[in-house]
Amino acid sequence: MKRINCRRCQFYFVTWEKNQPHGCRAYGFKAPQIPSLVVFQSSGMDCSLFKEKAPVK
């Protein structure tokens, strides 16, 4: 199984909140874990909204 790296997704953001430092704009939540793990734990499926960030030029 290949893990989804949320840090490479355009919807991932850092919240700077101590208890919920990871966020997902696509699903609209903040969490203490990486969002792809939260999605997998709650639905049993991999994240279907992952979109790779555009490469930096």
C-alpha atoms as a PDB file:
ATOM      1  CA  MET A   1       0.000   0.000   0.000  1.00  0.00           C
ATOM      2  CA  LYS A   2       1.369   3.397  -0.978  1.00  0.00           C
ATOM      3  CA  ARG A   3       0.744   6.188   1.494  1.00  0.00           C
ATOM      4  CA  ILE A   4      -0.567   9.543   0.364  1.00  0.00           C
ATOM      5  CA  ASN A   5       1.800  12.355   1.314  1.00  0.00           C
ATOM      6  CA  CYS A   6      -0.505  15.231   2.255  1.00  0.00           C
ATOM      7  CA  ARG A   7       2.400  17.661   2.332  1.00  0.00           C
ATOM      8  CA  ARG A   8       2.587  17.293  -1.454  1.00  0.00           C
ATOM      9  CA  CYS A   9      -1.147  18.010  -1.903  1.00  0.00           C
ATOM     10  CA  GLN A  10      -2.473  21.429  -2.880  1.00  0.00           C
ATOM     11  CA  PHE A  11      -5.235  21.182  -0.246  1.00  0.00           C
ATOM     12  CA  TYR A  12      -2.916  20.557   2.730  1.00  0.00           C
ATOM     13  CA  PHE A  13      -2.109  23.415   5.097  1.00  0.00           C
ATOM     14  CA  VAL A  14      -0.434  23.965   8.457  1.00  0.00           C
ATOM     15  CA  THR A  15      -2.828  25.490  10.994  1.00  0.00           C
ATOM     16  CA  TRP A  16      -0.264  26.515  13.646  1.00  0.00           C
ATOM     17  CA  GLU A  17      -2.731  25.305  16.295  1.00  0.00           C
ATOM     18  CA  LYS A  18      -0.941  23.215  18.894  1.00  0.00           C
ATOM     19  CA  ASN A  19      -3.615  20.496  19.153  1.00  0.00           C
ATOM     20  CA  GLN A  20      -4.615  20.409  15.469  1.00  0.00           C
ATOM     21  CA  PRO A  21      -1.578  21.329  13.359  1.00  0.00           C
ATOM     22  CA  HIS A  22      -2.679  19.685  10.062  1.00  0.00           C
ATOM     23  CA  GLY A  23      -5.526  20.821   7.836  1.00  0.00           C
ATOM     24  CA  CYS A  24      -7.275  19.815   4.634  1.00  0.00           C
ATOM     25  CA  ARG A  25      -9.088  22.456   2.572  1.00  0.00           C
ATOM     26  CA  ALA A  26     -10.727  19.830   0.334  1.00  0.00           C
ATOM     27  CA  TYR A  27     -12.495  18.077   3.217  1.00  0.00           C
ATOM     28  CA  GLY A  28     -12.637  21.183   5.426  1.00  0.00           C
ATOM     29  CA  PHE A  29     -11.117  19.935   8.675  1.00  0.00           C
ATOM     30  CA  LYS A  30      -8.144  20.288  11.016  1.00  0.00           C
ATOM     31  CA  ALA A  31      -6.635  17.341  12.861  1.00  0.00           C
ATOM     32  CA  PRO A  32      -3.745  16.235  15.051  1.00  0.00           C
ATOM     33  CA  GLN A  33      -2.770  13.628  12.403  1.00  0.00           C
ATOM     34  CA  ILE A  34      -1.988  13.960   8.710  1.00  0.00           C
ATOM     35  CA  PRO A  35      -5.375  14.338   6.916  1.00  0.00           C
ATOM     36  CA  SER A  36      -4.944  11.240   4.725  1.00  0.00           C
ATOM     37  CA  LEU A  37      -4.714   9.113   7.878  1.00  0.00           C
ATOM     38  CA  VAL A  38      -7.887  10.669   9.287  1.00  0.00           C
ATOM     39  CA  VAL A  39      -9.728  10.016   6.002  1.00  0.00           C
ATOM     40  CA  PHE A  40      -8.530   6.403   5.917  1.00  0.00           C
ATOM     41  CA  GLN A  41      -9.430   5.764   9.580  1.00  0.00           C
ATOM     42  CA  SER A  42     -12.917   7.230   9.207  1.00  0.00           C
ATOM     43  CA  SER A  43     -13.864   5.799   5.797  1.00  0.00           C
ATOM     44  CA  GLY A  44     -11.564   2.814   5.275  1.00  0.00           C
ATOM     45  CA  MET A  45     -10.579   4.245   1.867  1.00  0.00           C
ATOM     46  CA  ASP A  46      -7.635   6.286   0.644  1.00  0.00           C
ATOM     47  CA  CYS A  47      -8.146  10.005   0.072  1.00  0.00           C
ATOM     48  CA  SER A  48      -9.805  10.538  -3.305  1.00  0.00           C
ATOM     49  CA  LEU A  49      -9.287  14.318  -3.402  1.00  0.00           C
ATOM     50  CA  PHE A  50      -5.465  14.324  -3.432  1.00  0.00           C
ATOM     51  CA  LYS A  51      -4.038  16.723  -6.039  1.00  0.00           C
ATOM     52  CA  GLU A  52      -0.296  17.051  -6.409  1.00  0.00           C
ATOM     53  CA  LYS A  53       1.058  20.588  -5.995  1.00  0.00           C
ATOM     54  CA  ALA A  54       2.432  22.217  -9.121  1.00  0.00           C
ATOM     55  CA  PRO A  55       6.231  22.029  -9.265  1.00  0.00           C
ATOM     56  CA  VAL A  56       8.074  25.168  -8.199  1.00  0.00           C
ATOM     57  CA  LYS A  57       9.797  26.839 -11.126  1.00  0.00           C
END
